[in-house]
Structure formats: structure tokens, C-alpha cells
Amino acid sequence: MANAKGATGGPVALEGPRLQSILIARTPGGRHVAVIDGEMVRLGDNIKGARVERMTQTEVVLSKGGKKQVLKLFPAAAAGENTKSVQQ
């Protein structure tokens, strides 16, 4: 079974599209925009053969070939991994 470390022992990048940011207008019916792999997309747009189905403040749902893929803005927090907060 493969692990998530590269040849140097460091973590490797995950396969697939990477969600980088989400902007949702505060007004009802306002603009929904996300940046995936450096490309700006809106609801209904296509990226790498997948359609942008839904956006929330923390995730984007893509649909391709009848399958859905959920991209999380904060995947480490969603997976329940330990995160540290910095207090000043």
C-alpha cells in the first residue's frame, strides 16, 4: 500500500483539481466565483471537462459523467486533522 510521502519523505501533492478560493456576493442572486487550479470559474462553467454545479462558502461541487466531486477549501480541517491556531 502506497503512503502519502514522496521519495524525499515529504508530502506529495494530491491528484485532481485544487480549490484555491471562493467569492460569494452577499446579495441574493449575486455572483458566485471560485478559483480552481488558478482558473476563475462561475456556476455552470466547465473546467477540465467537469461542470460547476454548486458553491458554498467552503466547497465547490463539480459534475462529470454523472459523478460528483466535492472540492473543499480547507481539506485538512474537513478531514479532521489537527490544526493549530495562532494567538497574538
N, C-alpha and C. Protein backbone atom coordinates (compact mmCIF):
# COMPACT_ATOMS: atom_id res chain seq x y z
N MET A 1 0.84 -1.18 0.00
CA MET A 1 0.00 0.00 0.00
C MET A 1 0.88 1.24 0.00
N ALA A 2 0.58 2.18 -0.89
CA ALA A 2 1.38 3.40 -1.00
C ALA A 2 1.04 4.37 0.12
N ASN A 3 2.03 5.16 0.51
CA ASN A 3 1.76 6.18 1.51
C ASN A 3 1.78 7.55 0.85
N ALA A 4 1.52 8.58 1.62
CA ALA A 4 1.43 9.95 1.07
C ALA A 4 2.74 10.70 1.19
N LYS A 5 3.86 10.01 1.10
CA LYS A 5 5.15 10.68 1.18
C LYS A 5 5.93 10.42 -0.10
N GLY A 6 6.64 11.42 -0.56
CA GLY A 6 7.45 11.29 -1.76
C GLY A 6 8.78 10.64 -1.45
N ALA A 7 9.65 10.58 -2.44
CA ALA A 7 10.96 9.94 -2.30
C ALA A 7 11.81 10.62 -1.24
N THR A 8 11.60 11.91 -1.01
CA THR A 8 12.39 12.63 -0.02
C THR A 8 11.77 12.57 1.37
N GLY A 9 10.65 11.87 1.50
CA GLY A 9 10.00 11.76 2.79
C GLY A 9 8.98 12.85 3.06
N GLY A 10 8.90 13.84 2.18
CA GLY A 10 7.94 14.92 2.35
C GLY A 10 6.60 14.56 1.74
N PRO A 11 5.56 15.31 2.06
CA PRO A 11 4.24 15.02 1.50
C PRO A 11 4.21 15.29 0.00
N VAL A 12 3.37 14.56 -0.71
CA VAL A 12 3.21 14.77 -2.14
C VAL A 12 1.88 15.45 -2.40
N ALA A 13 1.77 16.14 -3.53
CA ALA A 13 0.53 16.83 -3.89
C ALA A 13 -0.54 15.81 -4.24
N LEU A 14 -1.78 16.11 -3.87
CA LEU A 14 -2.90 15.24 -4.19
C LEU A 14 -3.27 15.40 -5.65
N GLU A 15 -3.78 14.33 -6.25
CA GLU A 15 -4.23 14.36 -7.64
C GLU A 15 -5.55 15.11 -7.74
N GLY A 16 -5.85 15.64 -8.91
CA GLY A 16 -7.13 16.27 -9.14
C GLY A 16 -7.10 17.77 -8.97
N PRO A 17 -8.23 18.40 -9.27
CA PRO A 17 -8.29 19.87 -9.18
C PRO A 17 -8.17 20.36 -7.75
N ARG A 18 -7.58 21.55 -7.60
CA ARG A 18 -7.38 22.13 -6.27
C ARG A 18 -8.16 23.44 -6.17
N LEU A 19 -9.05 23.51 -5.20
CA LEU A 19 -9.83 24.72 -4.94
C LEU A 19 -8.97 25.70 -4.17
N GLN A 20 -8.83 26.92 -4.71
CA GLN A 20 -7.97 27.91 -4.09
C GLN A 20 -8.71 29.04 -3.39
N SER A 21 -9.87 29.44 -3.91
CA SER A 21 -10.66 30.47 -3.24
C SER A 21 -12.09 30.46 -3.75
N ILE A 22 -12.97 31.06 -2.95
CA ILE A 22 -14.39 31.18 -3.30
C ILE A 22 -14.84 32.59 -2.92
N LEU A 23 -15.56 33.23 -3.83
CA LEU A 23 -16.14 34.54 -3.56
C LEU A 23 -17.63 34.46 -3.84
N ILE A 24 -18.44 34.76 -2.83
CA ILE A 24 -19.90 34.73 -2.98
C ILE A 24 -20.45 36.08 -2.55
N ALA A 25 -21.21 36.70 -3.45
CA ALA A 25 -21.80 38.01 -3.15
C ALA A 25 -22.81 37.89 -2.01
N ARG A 26 -22.91 38.93 -1.22
CA ARG A 26 -23.84 38.92 -0.08
C ARG A 26 -25.28 39.13 -0.51
N THR A 27 -25.49 39.73 -1.67
CA THR A 27 -26.85 40.00 -2.13
C THR A 27 -27.46 38.74 -2.75
N PRO A 28 -28.75 38.51 -2.54
CA PRO A 28 -29.41 37.34 -3.13
C PRO A 28 -29.28 37.36 -4.65
N GLY A 29 -28.93 36.23 -5.22
CA GLY A 29 -28.75 36.13 -6.66
C GLY A 29 -27.44 36.73 -7.15
N GLY A 30 -26.58 37.10 -6.21
CA GLY A 30 -25.30 37.71 -6.55
C GLY A 30 -24.31 36.72 -7.13
N ARG A 31 -23.18 37.21 -7.51
CA ARG A 31 -22.15 36.45 -8.19
C ARG A 31 -21.51 35.39 -7.29
N HIS A 32 -21.31 34.21 -7.86
CA HIS A 32 -20.58 33.12 -7.22
C HIS A 32 -19.37 32.81 -8.10
N VAL A 33 -18.17 32.98 -7.55
CA VAL A 33 -16.96 32.78 -8.32
C VAL A 33 -15.99 31.94 -7.48
N ALA A 34 -15.30 31.01 -8.14
CA ALA A 34 -14.28 30.22 -7.46
C ALA A 34 -13.01 30.21 -8.32
N VAL A 35 -11.88 29.98 -7.67
CA VAL A 35 -10.63 29.80 -8.39
C VAL A 35 -10.19 28.36 -8.17
N ILE A 36 -10.11 27.61 -9.28
CA ILE A 36 -9.70 26.20 -9.24
C ILE A 36 -8.48 26.07 -10.14
N ASP A 37 -7.39 25.59 -9.59
CA ASP A 37 -6.13 25.45 -10.33
C ASP A 37 -5.75 26.73 -11.08
N GLY A 38 -5.99 27.88 -10.42
CA GLY A 38 -5.61 29.17 -10.99
C GLY A 38 -6.58 29.73 -12.02
N GLU A 39 -7.67 29.02 -12.27
CA GLU A 39 -8.66 29.46 -13.26
C GLU A 39 -9.94 29.90 -12.57
N MET A 40 -10.44 31.11 -12.92
CA MET A 40 -11.67 31.62 -12.33
C MET A 40 -12.87 30.97 -13.02
N VAL A 41 -13.79 30.42 -12.23
CA VAL A 41 -14.99 29.78 -12.77
C VAL A 41 -16.22 30.28 -12.03
N ARG A 42 -17.37 30.22 -12.72
CA ARG A 42 -18.65 30.61 -12.13
C ARG A 42 -19.59 29.43 -12.18
N LEU A 43 -20.72 29.52 -11.50
CA LEU A 43 -21.72 28.46 -11.54
C LEU A 43 -22.08 28.16 -12.99
N GLY A 44 -22.12 26.90 -13.35
CA GLY A 44 -22.47 26.48 -14.70
C GLY A 44 -21.30 26.39 -15.65
N ASP A 45 -20.14 26.96 -15.29
CA ASP A 45 -18.96 26.88 -16.15
C ASP A 45 -18.40 25.46 -16.17
N ASN A 46 -17.55 25.21 -17.16
CA ASN A 46 -16.85 23.93 -17.26
C ASN A 46 -15.37 24.15 -17.00
N ILE A 47 -14.76 23.22 -16.28
CA ILE A 47 -13.32 23.24 -16.04
C ILE A 47 -12.81 21.81 -16.13
N LYS A 48 -11.87 21.59 -17.03
CA LYS A 48 -11.27 20.27 -17.23
C LYS A 48 -12.32 19.19 -17.45
N GLY A 49 -13.36 19.53 -18.22
CA GLY A 49 -14.40 18.57 -18.56
C GLY A 49 -15.48 18.37 -17.52
N ALA A 50 -15.42 19.11 -16.41
CA ALA A 50 -16.42 18.99 -15.34
C ALA A 50 -17.22 20.30 -15.25
N ARG A 51 -18.49 20.18 -14.91
CA ARG A 51 -19.37 21.35 -14.78
C ARG A 51 -19.44 21.78 -13.32
N VAL A 52 -19.38 23.10 -13.07
CA VAL A 52 -19.50 23.65 -11.72
C VAL A 52 -20.99 23.65 -11.37
N GLU A 53 -21.37 22.75 -10.46
CA GLU A 53 -22.78 22.55 -10.10
C GLU A 53 -23.24 23.44 -8.95
N ARG A 54 -22.39 23.58 -7.92
CA ARG A 54 -22.82 24.29 -6.71
C ARG A 54 -21.61 24.89 -6.02
N MET A 55 -21.83 26.00 -5.31
CA MET A 55 -20.78 26.64 -4.50
C MET A 55 -21.36 27.04 -3.16
N THR A 56 -20.58 26.80 -2.12
CA THR A 56 -20.88 27.32 -0.79
C THR A 56 -19.65 28.11 -0.35
N GLN A 57 -19.68 28.60 0.87
CA GLN A 57 -18.53 29.37 1.37
C GLN A 57 -17.28 28.52 1.54
N THR A 58 -17.44 27.19 1.62
CA THR A 58 -16.28 26.33 1.87
C THR A 58 -16.06 25.21 0.86
N GLU A 59 -16.96 25.07 -0.14
CA GLU A 59 -16.76 23.99 -1.10
C GLU A 59 -17.40 24.29 -2.45
N VAL A 60 -16.91 23.56 -3.46
CA VAL A 60 -17.45 23.63 -4.81
C VAL A 60 -17.73 22.20 -5.25
N VAL A 61 -18.90 21.99 -5.86
CA VAL A 61 -19.26 20.66 -6.36
C VAL A 61 -19.14 20.66 -7.88
N LEU A 62 -18.34 19.72 -8.39
CA LEU A 62 -18.17 19.53 -9.82
C LEU A 62 -18.90 18.27 -10.24
N SER A 63 -19.40 18.24 -11.49
CA SER A 63 -20.10 17.08 -12.02
C SER A 63 -19.50 16.71 -13.36
N LYS A 64 -19.17 15.42 -13.52
CA LYS A 64 -18.59 14.94 -14.77
C LYS A 64 -19.01 13.50 -15.00
N GLY A 65 -19.66 13.25 -16.12
CA GLY A 65 -20.06 11.90 -16.45
C GLY A 65 -20.99 11.27 -15.43
N GLY A 66 -21.88 12.06 -14.84
CA GLY A 66 -22.82 11.54 -13.85
C GLY A 66 -22.23 11.38 -12.46
N LYS A 67 -20.95 11.69 -12.28
CA LYS A 67 -20.31 11.60 -10.96
C LYS A 67 -20.05 12.99 -10.43
N LYS A 68 -20.15 13.13 -9.13
CA LYS A 68 -19.92 14.43 -8.48
C LYS A 68 -18.62 14.38 -7.68
N GLN A 69 -17.91 15.49 -7.69
CA GLN A 69 -16.68 15.63 -6.91
C GLN A 69 -16.80 16.90 -6.09
N VAL A 70 -16.54 16.79 -4.79
CA VAL A 70 -16.62 17.94 -3.89
C VAL A 70 -15.20 18.42 -3.59
N LEU A 71 -14.94 19.67 -3.93
CA LEU A 71 -13.65 20.29 -3.63
C LEU A 71 -13.83 21.14 -2.39
N LYS A 72 -13.03 20.88 -1.37
CA LYS A 72 -13.11 21.62 -0.10
C LYS A 72 -12.05 22.71 -0.08
N LEU A 73 -12.43 23.88 0.43
CA LEU A 73 -11.49 24.99 0.54
C LEU A 73 -10.44 24.71 1.62
N PHE A 74 -10.84 24.02 2.68
CA PHE A 74 -9.94 23.67 3.77
C PHE A 74 -9.96 22.16 3.96
N PRO A 75 -9.34 21.39 3.06
CA PRO A 75 -9.44 19.93 3.13
C PRO A 75 -8.88 19.32 4.41
N ALA A 76 -7.82 19.89 5.00
CA ALA A 76 -7.25 19.34 6.23
C ALA A 76 -8.24 19.44 7.38
N ALA A 77 -8.92 20.56 7.50
CA ALA A 77 -9.90 20.75 8.56
C ALA A 77 -11.10 19.85 8.34
N ALA A 78 -11.51 19.66 7.08
CA ALA A 78 -12.66 18.81 6.77
C ALA A 78 -12.35 17.34 7.06
N ALA A 79 -11.09 16.94 6.95
CA ALA A 79 -10.70 15.56 7.19
C ALA A 79 -10.49 15.28 8.67
N GLY A 80 -10.62 16.31 9.50
CA GLY A 80 -10.48 16.12 10.94
C GLY A 80 -9.04 16.11 11.42
N GLU A 81 -8.11 16.57 10.59
CA GLU A 81 -6.71 16.61 11.00
C GLU A 81 -6.51 17.72 12.03
N ASN A 82 -5.49 17.58 12.82
CA ASN A 82 -5.19 18.59 13.82
C ASN A 82 -4.74 19.88 13.14
N THR A 83 -5.27 20.98 13.59
CA THR A 83 -4.82 22.28 13.10
C THR A 83 -4.47 23.12 14.31
N LYS A 84 -3.53 24.03 14.13
CA LYS A 84 -3.11 24.89 15.22
C LYS A 84 -3.62 26.29 14.96
N SER A 85 -4.08 26.94 16.00
CA SER A 85 -4.45 28.35 15.87
C SER A 85 -3.38 29.18 16.54
N VAL A 86 -3.13 30.32 15.97
CA VAL A 86 -2.10 31.22 16.50
C VAL A 86 -2.80 32.34 17.23
N GLN A 87 -2.41 32.53 18.49
CA GLN A 87 -2.98 33.62 19.27
C GLN A 87 -1.93 34.71 19.44
N GLN A 88 -2.36 35.94 19.34
CA GLN A 88 -1.41 37.05 19.47
C GLN A 88 -1.67 37.81 20.73
